[in-house]
Amino acid sequence: MLRILLAGAACIALQAHAQDRAQQLASACAICHGTDGRGDGKVLPPLAAMPREHIASQMRAFRDGQRPATVMHQIAKGYTDEQIDALAAYFAAQKR
């Protein structure tokens, strides 16, 4: 029983760390997309509550040069697949 409790606590700690890391990564997006991706949408789309798969596919398209951009292609080049997935999950979980 103690092993199960310890394993559960470890999983919770890992999830919290992953969430913190995703929030750190997402803070770089705030200047253009607003805090927690809740931008006003006047110039750039808000990312909050957007489908995770859509965010991830668009980030990869920017990174891989498959989607034209003025700035995002340069920003996206700095992210690994794991980081893109973390960002996508983070923004998808935010409320508008």
PDB file of N, CA and C in Angstrom:
ATOM      1  N   MET A   1       0.816  -1.192   0.000  1.00  0.00           N
ATOM      2  CA  MET A   1       0.000   0.000   0.000  1.00  0.00           C
ATOM      3  C   MET A   1       0.865   1.263   0.000  1.00  0.00           C
ATOM      4  N   LEU A   2       1.944   1.211   0.770  1.00  0.00           N
ATOM      5  CA  LEU A   2       2.837   2.365   0.838  1.00  0.00           C
ATOM      6  C   LEU A   2       3.466   2.637  -0.522  1.00  0.00           C
ATOM      7  N   ARG A   3       3.815   1.573  -1.249  1.00  0.00           N
ATOM      8  CA  ARG A   3       4.392   1.740  -2.592  1.00  0.00           C
ATOM      9  C   ARG A   3       3.415   2.453  -3.525  1.00  0.00           C
ATOM     10  N   ILE A   4       2.178   2.074  -3.445  1.00  0.00           N
ATOM     11  CA  ILE A   4       1.156   2.696  -4.295  1.00  0.00           C
ATOM     12  C   ILE A   4       1.026   4.177  -3.964  1.00  0.00           C
ATOM     13  N   LEU A   5       1.005   4.513  -2.687  1.00  0.00           N
ATOM     14  CA  LEU A   5       0.915   5.910  -2.275  1.00  0.00           C
ATOM     15  C   LEU A   5       2.135   6.701  -2.734  1.00  0.00           C
ATOM     16  N   LEU A   6       3.311   6.114  -2.586  1.00  0.00           N
ATOM     17  CA  LEU A   6       4.534   6.793  -3.021  1.00  0.00           C
ATOM     18  C   LEU A   6       4.558   6.972  -4.530  1.00  0.00           C
ATOM     19  N   ALA A   7       4.138   5.958  -5.258  1.00  0.00           N
ATOM     20  CA  ALA A   7       4.094   6.055  -6.723  1.00  0.00           C
ATOM     21  C   ALA A   7       3.097   7.129  -7.152  1.00  0.00           C
ATOM     22  N   GLY A   8       1.965   7.181  -6.486  1.00  0.00           N
ATOM     23  CA  GLY A   8       0.966   8.205  -6.802  1.00  0.00           C
ATOM     24  C   GLY A   8       1.490   9.605  -6.521  1.00  0.00           C
ATOM     25  N   ALA A   9       2.183   9.755  -5.397  1.00  0.00           N
ATOM     26  CA  ALA A   9       2.756  11.063  -5.052  1.00  0.00           C
ATOM     27  C   ALA A   9       3.808  11.476  -6.075  1.00  0.00           C
ATOM     28  N   ALA A  10       4.608  10.520  -6.518  1.00  0.00           N
ATOM     29  CA  ALA A  10       5.632  10.818  -7.522  1.00  0.00           C
ATOM     30  C   ALA A  10       4.988  11.249  -8.840  1.00  0.00           C
ATOM     31  N   CYS A  11       3.920  10.597  -9.240  1.00  0.00           N
ATOM     32  CA  CYS A  11       3.214  10.967 -10.475  1.00  0.00           C
ATOM     33  C   CYS A  11       2.640  12.378 -10.378  1.00  0.00           C
ATOM     34  N   ILE A  12       2.076  12.701  -9.240  1.00  0.00           N
ATOM     35  CA  ILE A  12       1.515  14.043  -9.043  1.00  0.00           C
ATOM     36  C   ILE A  12       2.623  15.086  -9.115  1.00  0.00           C
ATOM     37  N   ALA A  13       3.759  14.793  -8.501  1.00  0.00           N
ATOM     38  CA  ALA A  13       4.889  15.735  -8.529  1.00  0.00           C
ATOM     39  C   ALA A  13       5.393  15.926  -9.953  1.00  0.00           C
ATOM     40  N   LEU A  14       5.482  14.856 -10.724  1.00  0.00           N
ATOM     41  CA  LEU A  14       5.933  14.956 -12.113  1.00  0.00           C
ATOM     42  C   LEU A  14       4.948  15.764 -12.948  1.00  0.00           C
ATOM     43  N   GLN A  15       3.668  15.565 -12.738  1.00  0.00           N
ATOM     44  CA  GLN A  15       2.654  16.325 -13.470  1.00  0.00           C
ATOM     45  C   GLN A  15       2.745  17.812 -13.127  1.00  0.00           C
ATOM     46  N   ALA A  16       2.943  18.115 -11.856  1.00  0.00           N
ATOM     47  CA  ALA A  16       3.058  19.512 -11.439  1.00  0.00           C
ATOM     48  C   ALA A  16       4.282  20.148 -12.070  1.00  0.00           C
ATOM     49  N   HIS A  17       5.387  19.399 -12.129  1.00  0.00           N
ATOM     50  CA  HIS A  17       6.609  19.921 -12.750  1.00  0.00           C
ATOM     51  C   HIS A  17       6.381  20.159 -14.245  1.00  0.00           C
ATOM     52  N   ALA A  18       5.722  19.232 -14.906  1.00  0.00           N
ATOM     53  CA  ALA A  18       5.445  19.381 -16.336  1.00  0.00           C
ATOM     54  C   ALA A  18       4.544  20.593 -16.581  1.00  0.00           C
ATOM     55  N   GLN A  19       3.551  20.789 -15.726  1.00  0.00           N
ATOM     56  CA  GLN A  19       2.654  21.945 -15.858  1.00  0.00           C
ATOM     57  C   GLN A  19       3.424  23.242 -15.656  1.00  0.00           C
ATOM     58  N   ASP A  20       4.309  23.269 -14.649  1.00  0.00           N
ATOM     59  CA  ASP A  20       5.125  24.459 -14.401  1.00  0.00           C
ATOM     60  C   ASP A  20       6.018  24.759 -15.595  1.00  0.00           C
ATOM     61  N   ARG A  21       6.607  23.723 -16.165  1.00  0.00           N
ATOM     62  CA  ARG A  21       7.492  23.901 -17.325  1.00  0.00           C
ATOM     63  C   ARG A  21       6.703  24.433 -18.521  1.00  0.00           C
ATOM     64  N   ALA A  22       5.528  23.885 -18.752  1.00  0.00           N
ATOM     65  CA  ALA A  22       4.691  24.367 -19.859  1.00  0.00           C
ATOM     66  C   ALA A  22       4.303  25.824 -19.639  1.00  0.00           C
ATOM     67  N   GLN A  23       3.996  26.184 -18.407  1.00  0.00           N
ATOM     68  CA  GLN A  23       3.629  27.572 -18.116  1.00  0.00           C
ATOM     69  C   GLN A  23       4.829  28.492 -18.340  1.00  0.00           C
ATOM     70  N   GLN A  24       6.025  28.038 -18.005  1.00  0.00           N
ATOM     71  CA  GLN A  24       7.234  28.816 -18.272  1.00  0.00           C
ATOM     72  C   GLN A  24       7.411  29.027 -19.771  1.00  0.00           C
ATOM     73  N   LEU A  25       7.258  27.962 -20.541  1.00  0.00           N
ATOM     74  CA  LEU A  25       7.378  28.075 -21.994  1.00  0.00           C
ATOM     75  C   LEU A  25       6.326  29.029 -22.552  1.00  0.00           C
ATOM     76  N   ALA A  26       5.116  28.924 -22.039  1.00  0.00           N
ATOM     77  CA  ALA A  26       4.004  29.737 -22.536  1.00  0.00           C
ATOM     78  C   ALA A  26       4.184  31.219 -22.230  1.00  0.00           C
ATOM     79  N   SER A  27       4.939  31.537 -21.208  1.00  0.00           N
ATOM     80  CA  SER A  27       5.125  32.954 -20.873  1.00  0.00           C
ATOM     81  C   SER A  27       5.798  33.714 -22.006  1.00  0.00           C
ATOM     82  N   ALA A  28       6.579  33.026 -22.823  1.00  0.00           N
ATOM     83  CA  ALA A  28       7.215  33.673 -23.972  1.00  0.00           C
ATOM     84  C   ALA A  28       6.191  34.064 -25.044  1.00  0.00           C
ATOM     85  N   CYS A  29       5.032  33.454 -25.022  1.00  0.00           N
ATOM     86  CA  CYS A  29       3.995  33.717 -26.019  1.00  0.00           C
ATOM     87  C   CYS A  29       3.106  34.903 -25.628  1.00  0.00           C
ATOM     88  N   ALA A  30       3.195  35.310 -24.359  1.00  0.00           N
ATOM     89  CA  ALA A  30       2.262  36.305 -23.821  1.00  0.00           C
ATOM     90  C   ALA A  30       2.344  37.657 -24.509  1.00  0.00           C
ATOM     91  N   ILE A  31       3.516  38.063 -24.922  1.00  0.00           N
ATOM     92  CA  ILE A  31       3.648  39.396 -25.510  1.00  0.00           C
ATOM     93  C   ILE A  31       2.781  39.555 -26.769  1.00  0.00           C
ATOM     94  N   CYS A  32       2.614  38.492 -27.517  1.00  0.00           N
ATOM     95  CA  CYS A  32       1.797  38.561 -28.740  1.00  0.00           C
ATOM     96  C   CYS A  32       0.402  37.958 -28.569  1.00  0.00           C
ATOM     97  N   HIS A  33       0.301  36.860 -27.802  1.00  0.00           N
ATOM     98  CA  HIS A  33      -0.958  36.125 -27.693  1.00  0.00           C
ATOM     99  C   HIS A  33      -1.680  36.354 -26.367  1.00  0.00           C
ATOM    100  N   GLY A  34      -1.148  37.216 -25.519  1.00  0.00           N
ATOM    101  CA  GLY A  34      -1.789  37.528 -24.249  1.00  0.00           C
ATOM    102  C   GLY A  34      -1.451  36.534 -23.148  1.00  0.00           C
ATOM    103  N   THR A  35      -1.710  36.957 -21.924  1.00  0.00           N
ATOM    104  CA  THR A  35      -1.456  36.115 -20.762  1.00  0.00           C
ATOM    105  C   THR A  35      -2.256  34.824 -20.870  1.00  0.00           C
ATOM    106  N   ASP A  36      -1.585  33.713 -20.690  1.00  0.00           N
ATOM    107  CA  ASP A  36      -2.198  32.385 -20.790  1.00  0.00           C
ATOM    108  C   ASP A  36      -2.921  32.170 -22.120  1.00  0.00           C
ATOM    109  N   GLY A  37      -2.471  32.899 -23.155  1.00  0.00           N
ATOM    110  CA  GLY A  37      -3.048  32.729 -24.483  1.00  0.00           C
ATOM    111  C   GLY A  37      -4.395  33.378 -24.675  1.00  0.00           C
ATOM    112  N   ARG A  38      -4.771  34.278 -23.765  1.00  0.00           N
ATOM    113  CA  ARG A  38      -6.092  34.912 -23.831  1.00  0.00           C
ATOM    114  C   ARG A  38      -6.038  36.276 -24.518  1.00  0.00           C
ATOM    115  N   GLY A  39      -5.334  36.361 -25.618  1.00  0.00           N
ATOM    116  CA  GLY A  39      -5.219  37.626 -26.336  1.00  0.00           C
ATOM    117  C   GLY A  39      -6.561  38.152 -26.798  1.00  0.00           C
ATOM    118  N   ASP A  40      -6.568  39.411 -27.208  1.00  0.00           N
ATOM    119  CA  ASP A  40      -7.831  40.014 -27.639  1.00  0.00           C
ATOM    120  C   ASP A  40      -8.207  39.645 -29.070  1.00  0.00           C
ATOM    121  N   GLY A  41      -7.283  39.031 -29.811  1.00  0.00           N
ATOM    122  CA  GLY A  41      -7.586  38.565 -31.154  1.00  0.00           C
ATOM    123  C   GLY A  41      -7.619  39.639 -32.206  1.00  0.00           C
ATOM    124  N   LYS A  42      -7.266  40.872 -31.861  1.00  0.00           N
ATOM    125  CA  LYS A  42      -7.296  41.960 -32.840  1.00  0.00           C
ATOM    126  C   LYS A  42      -6.216  41.802 -33.897  1.00  0.00           C
ATOM    127  N   VAL A  43      -5.056  41.345 -33.482  1.00  0.00           N
ATOM    128  CA  VAL A  43      -3.955  41.179 -34.424  1.00  0.00           C
ATOM    129  C   VAL A  43      -3.595  39.711 -34.596  1.00  0.00           C
ATOM    130  N   LEU A  44      -3.499  39.001 -33.486  1.00  0.00           N
ATOM    131  CA  LEU A  44      -3.129  37.584 -33.493  1.00  0.00           C
ATOM    132  C   LEU A  44      -4.183  36.779 -32.762  1.00  0.00           C
ATOM    133  N   PRO A  45      -4.335  35.523 -33.134  1.00  0.00           N
ATOM    134  CA  PRO A  45      -5.392  34.727 -32.496  1.00  0.00           C
ATOM    135  C   PRO A  45      -5.060  34.374 -31.050  1.00  0.00           C
ATOM    136  N   PRO A  46      -6.080  34.376 -30.186  1.00  0.00           N
ATOM    137  CA  PRO A  46      -5.862  33.863 -28.834  1.00  0.00           C
ATOM    138  C   PRO A  46      -5.644  32.352 -28.927  1.00  0.00           C
ATOM    139  N   LEU A  47      -4.794  31.838 -28.095  1.00  0.00           N
ATOM    140  CA  LEU A  47      -4.493  30.406 -28.110  1.00  0.00           C
ATOM    141  C   LEU A  47      -5.291  29.636 -27.071  1.00  0.00           C
ATOM    142  N   ALA A  48      -5.800  30.334 -26.066  1.00  0.00           N
ATOM    143  CA  ALA A  48      -6.542  29.676 -24.989  1.00  0.00           C
ATOM    144  C   ALA A  48      -7.738  28.917 -25.545  1.00  0.00           C
ATOM    145  N   ALA A  49      -7.868  27.676 -25.102  1.00  0.00           N
ATOM    146  CA  ALA A  49      -8.982  26.790 -25.447  1.00  0.00           C
ATOM    147  C   ALA A  49      -8.988  26.333 -26.910  1.00  0.00           C
ATOM    148  N   MET A  50      -7.944  26.650 -27.635  1.00  0.00           N
ATOM    149  CA  MET A  50      -7.834  26.149 -29.009  1.00  0.00           C
ATOM    150  C   MET A  50      -7.526  24.646 -28.931  1.00  0.00           C
ATOM    151  N   PRO A  51      -7.986  23.852 -29.866  1.00  0.00           N
ATOM    152  CA  PRO A  51      -7.699  22.414 -29.810  1.00  0.00           C
ATOM    153  C   PRO A  51      -6.192  22.125 -29.797  1.00  0.00           C
ATOM    154  N   ARG A  52      -5.798  21.240 -28.905  1.00  0.00           N
ATOM    155  CA  ARG A  52      -4.389  20.873 -28.717  1.00  0.00           C
ATOM    156  C   ARG A  52      -3.746  20.447 -30.027  1.00  0.00           C
ATOM    157  N   GLU A  53      -4.420  19.616 -30.785  1.00  0.00           N
ATOM    158  CA  GLU A  53      -3.865  19.102 -32.042  1.00  0.00           C
ATOM    159  C   GLU A  53      -3.619  20.234 -33.039  1.00  0.00           C
ATOM    160  N   HIS A  54      -4.508  21.201 -33.061  1.00  0.00           N
ATOM    161  CA  HIS A  54      -4.371  22.331 -33.981  1.00  0.00           C
ATOM    162  C   HIS A  54      -3.149  23.177 -33.610  1.00  0.00           C
ATOM    163  N   ILE A  55      -3.013  23.487 -32.339  1.00  0.00           N
ATOM    164  CA  ILE A  55      -1.867  24.281 -31.902  1.00  0.00           C
ATOM    165  C   ILE A  55      -0.575  23.561 -32.245  1.00  0.00           C
ATOM    166  N   ALA A  56      -0.494  22.279 -31.919  1.00  0.00           N
ATOM    167  CA  ALA A  56       0.730  21.504 -32.174  1.00  0.00           C
ATOM    168  C   ALA A  56       1.036  21.438 -33.669  1.00  0.00           C
ATOM    169  N   SER A  57       0.038  21.197 -34.487  1.00  0.00           N
ATOM    170  CA  SER A  57       0.295  21.078 -35.931  1.00  0.00           C
ATOM    171  C   SER A  57       0.734  22.408 -36.532  1.00  0.00           C
ATOM    172  N   GLN A  58       0.141  23.504 -36.060  1.00  0.00           N
ATOM    173  CA  GLN A  58       0.523  24.816 -36.581  1.00  0.00           C
ATOM    174  C   GLN A  58       1.933  25.204 -36.132  1.00  0.00           C
ATOM    175  N   MET A  59       2.265  24.903 -34.889  1.00  0.00           N
ATOM    176  CA  MET A  59       3.627  25.186 -34.398  1.00  0.00           C
ATOM    177  C   MET A  59       4.666  24.400 -35.205  1.00  0.00           C
ATOM    178  N   ARG A  60       4.359  23.142 -35.487  1.00  0.00           N
ATOM    179  CA  ARG A  60       5.290  22.326 -36.279  1.00  0.00           C
ATOM    180  C   ARG A  60       5.384  22.850 -37.710  1.00  0.00           C
ATOM    181  N   ALA A  61       4.264  23.285 -38.255  1.00  0.00           N
ATOM    182  CA  ALA A  61       4.269  23.840 -39.617  1.00  0.00           C
ATOM    183  C   ALA A  61       5.115  25.111 -39.674  1.00  0.00           C
ATOM    184  N   PHE A  62       4.999  25.964 -38.664  1.00  0.00           N
ATOM    185  CA  PHE A  62       5.863  27.157 -38.605  1.00  0.00           C
ATOM    186  C   PHE A  62       7.322  26.744 -38.501  1.00  0.00           C
ATOM    187  N   ARG A  63       7.601  25.845 -37.578  1.00  0.00           N
ATOM    188  CA  ARG A  63       8.975  25.412 -37.328  1.00  0.00           C
ATOM    189  C   ARG A  63       9.617  24.793 -38.556  1.00  0.00           C
ATOM    190  N   ASP A  64       8.851  23.988 -39.263  1.00  0.00           N
ATOM    191  CA  ASP A  64       9.382  23.238 -40.405  1.00  0.00           C
ATOM    192  C   ASP A  64       9.303  23.999 -41.717  1.00  0.00           C
ATOM    193  N   GLY A  65       8.869  25.260 -41.667  1.00  0.00           N
ATOM    194  CA  GLY A  65       8.803  26.092 -42.864  1.00  0.00           C
ATOM    195  C   GLY A  65       7.656  25.761 -43.790  1.00  0.00           C
ATOM    196  N   GLN A  66       6.646  25.064 -43.292  1.00  0.00           N
ATOM    197  CA  GLN A  66       5.497  24.688 -44.117  1.00  0.00           C
ATOM    198  C   GLN A  66       4.369  25.725 -44.065  1.00  0.00           C
ATOM    199  N   ARG A  67       4.482  26.663 -43.136  1.00  0.00           N
ATOM    200  CA  ARG A  67       3.477  27.722 -43.029  1.00  0.00           C
ATOM    201  C   ARG A  67       4.208  29.064 -43.024  1.00  0.00           C
ATOM    202  N   PRO A  68       3.843  29.944 -43.943  1.00  0.00           N
ATOM    203  CA  PRO A  68       4.508  31.244 -44.000  1.00  0.00           C
ATOM    204  C   PRO A  68       4.212  32.067 -42.740  1.00  0.00           C
ATOM    205  N   ALA A  69       5.187  32.878 -42.376  1.00  0.00           N
ATOM    206  CA  ALA A  69       5.025  33.707 -41.187  1.00  0.00           C
ATOM    207  C   ALA A  69       5.999  34.871 -41.229  1.00  0.00           C
ATOM    208  N   THR A  70       5.711  35.877 -40.429  1.00  0.00           N
ATOM    209  CA  THR A  70       6.654  36.989 -40.319  1.00  0.00           C
ATOM    210  C   THR A  70       7.617  36.764 -39.157  1.00  0.00           C
ATOM    211  N   VAL A  71       7.127  36.186 -38.070  1.00  0.00           N
ATOM    212  CA  VAL A  71       7.951  35.973 -36.883  1.00  0.00           C
ATOM    213  C   VAL A  71       7.878  34.534 -36.365  1.00  0.00           C
ATOM    214  N   MET A  72       6.700  33.923 -36.430  1.00  0.00           N
ATOM    215  CA  MET A  72       6.493  32.623 -35.790  1.00  0.00           C
ATOM    216  C   MET A  72       7.440  31.541 -36.294  1.00  0.00           C
ATOM    217  N   HIS A  73       7.821  31.565 -37.541  1.00  0.00           N
ATOM    218  CA  HIS A  73       8.731  30.531 -38.034  1.00  0.00           C
ATOM    219  C   HIS A  73      10.080  30.607 -37.310  1.00  0.00           C
ATOM    220  N   GLN A  74      10.499  31.794 -36.939  1.00  0.00           N
ATOM    221  CA  GLN A  74      11.754  31.943 -36.194  1.00  0.00           C
ATOM    222  C   GLN A  74      11.597  31.495 -34.741  1.00  0.00           C
ATOM    223  N   ILE A  75      10.471  31.851 -34.139  1.00  0.00           N
ATOM    224  CA  ILE A  75      10.218  31.468 -32.750  1.00  0.00           C
ATOM    225  C   ILE A  75      10.062  29.957 -32.632  1.00  0.00           C
ATOM    226  N   ALA A  76       9.285  29.369 -33.517  1.00  0.00           N
ATOM    227  CA  ALA A  76       8.986  27.940 -33.434  1.00  0.00           C
ATOM    228  C   ALA A  76      10.219  27.067 -33.639  1.00  0.00           C
ATOM    229  N   LYS A  77      11.204  27.570 -34.339  1.00  0.00           N
ATOM    230  CA  LYS A  77      12.430  26.784 -34.555  1.00  0.00           C
ATOM    231  C   LYS A  77      13.125  26.432 -33.248  1.00  0.00           C
ATOM    232  N   GLY A  78      12.863  27.188 -32.208  1.00  0.00           N
ATOM    233  CA  GLY A  78      13.510  26.943 -30.928  1.00  0.00           C
ATOM    234  C   GLY A  78      12.863  25.875 -30.077  1.00  0.00           C
ATOM    235  N   TYR A  79      11.768  25.280 -30.546  1.00  0.00           N
ATOM    236  CA  TYR A  79      11.033  24.303 -29.742  1.00  0.00           C
ATOM    237  C   TYR A  79      11.179  22.883 -30.268  1.00  0.00           C
ATOM    238  N   THR A  80      11.340  21.954 -29.343  1.00  0.00           N
ATOM    239  CA  THR A  80      11.360  20.530 -29.678  1.00  0.00           C
ATOM    240  C   THR A  80       9.918  20.041 -29.807  1.00  0.00           C
ATOM    241  N   ASP A  81       9.743  18.841 -30.337  1.00  0.00           N
ATOM    242  CA  ASP A  81       8.400  18.254 -30.411  1.00  0.00           C
ATOM    243  C   ASP A  81       7.780  18.149 -29.020  1.00  0.00           C
ATOM    244  N   GLU A  82       8.579  17.767 -28.035  1.00  0.00           N
ATOM    245  CA  GLU A  82       8.077  17.630 -26.665  1.00  0.00           C
ATOM    246  C   GLU A  82       7.606  18.983 -26.122  1.00  0.00           C
ATOM    247  N   GLN A  83       8.360  20.026 -26.377  1.00  0.00           N
ATOM    248  CA  GLN A  83       7.970  21.355 -25.917  1.00  0.00           C
ATOM    249  C   GLN A  83       6.719  21.854 -26.638  1.00  0.00           C
ATOM    250  N   ILE A  84       6.629  21.582 -27.930  1.00  0.00           N
ATOM    251  CA  ILE A  84       5.431  21.972 -28.685  1.00  0.00           C
ATOM    252  C   ILE A  84       4.211  21.253 -28.125  1.00  0.00           C
ATOM    253  N   ASP A  85       4.342  19.968 -27.843  1.00  0.00           N
ATOM    254  CA  ASP A  85       3.219  19.223 -27.271  1.00  0.00           C
ATOM    255  C   ASP A  85       2.828  19.780 -25.904  1.00  0.00           C
ATOM    256  N   ALA A  86       3.819  20.167 -25.093  1.00  0.00           N
ATOM    257  CA  ALA A  86       3.539  20.738 -23.775  1.00  0.00           C
ATOM    258  C   ALA A  86       2.825  22.078 -23.912  1.00  0.00           C
ATOM    259  N   LEU A  87       3.284  22.915 -24.822  1.00  0.00           N
ATOM    260  CA  LEU A  87       2.631  24.203 -25.061  1.00  0.00           C
ATOM    261  C   LEU A  87       1.197  24.011 -25.547  1.00  0.00           C
ATOM    262  N   ALA A  88       1.023  23.103 -26.486  1.00  0.00           N
ATOM    263  CA  ALA A  88      -0.313  22.856 -27.039  1.00  0.00           C
ATOM    264  C   ALA A  88      -1.268  22.384 -25.956  1.00  0.00           C
ATOM    265  N   ALA A  89      -0.814  21.469 -25.117  1.00  0.00           N
ATOM    266  CA  ALA A  89      -1.662  20.980 -24.027  1.00  0.00           C
ATOM    267  C   ALA A  89      -1.973  22.098 -23.038  1.00  0.00           C
ATOM    268  N   TYR A  90      -0.981  22.919 -22.737  1.00  0.00           N
ATOM    269  CA  TYR A  90      -1.181  24.029 -21.797  1.00  0.00           C
ATOM    270  C   TYR A  90      -2.232  25.009 -22.321  1.00  0.00           C
ATOM    271  N   PHE A  91      -2.065  25.469 -23.544  1.00  0.00           N
ATOM    272  CA  PHE A  91      -3.015  26.450 -24.085  1.00  0.00           C
ATOM    273  C   PHE A  91      -4.399  25.846 -24.286  1.00  0.00           C
ATOM    274  N   ALA A  92      -4.466  24.603 -24.701  1.00  0.00           N
ATOM    275  CA  ALA A  92      -5.771  23.954 -24.888  1.00  0.00           C
ATOM    276  C   ALA A  92      -6.543  23.870 -23.575  1.00  0.00           C
ATOM    277  N   ALA A  93      -5.826  23.755 -22.466  1.00  0.00           N
ATOM    278  CA  ALA A  93      -6.469  23.621 -21.154  1.00  0.00           C
ATOM    279  C   ALA A  93      -6.913  24.964 -20.561  1.00  0.00           C
ATOM    280  N   GLN A  94      -6.487  26.066 -21.156  1.00  0.00           N
ATOM    281  CA  GLN A  94      -6.849  27.390 -20.632  1.00  0.00           C
ATOM    282  C   GLN A  94      -8.272  27.764 -21.048  1.00  0.00           C
ATOM    283  N   LYS A  95      -8.920  28.523 -20.209  1.00  0.00           N
ATOM    284  CA  LYS A  95     -10.262  29.023 -20.523  1.00  0.00           C
ATOM    285  C   LYS A  95     -10.128  30.380 -21.194  1.00  0.00           C
ATOM    286  N   ARG A  96     -11.014  30.680 -22.110  1.00  0.00           N
ATOM    287  CA  ARG A  96     -10.982  31.994 -22.785  1.00  0.00           C
ATOM    288  C   ARG A  96     -11.523  33.084 -21.914  1.00  0.00           C
TER     289      ARG A  96
END
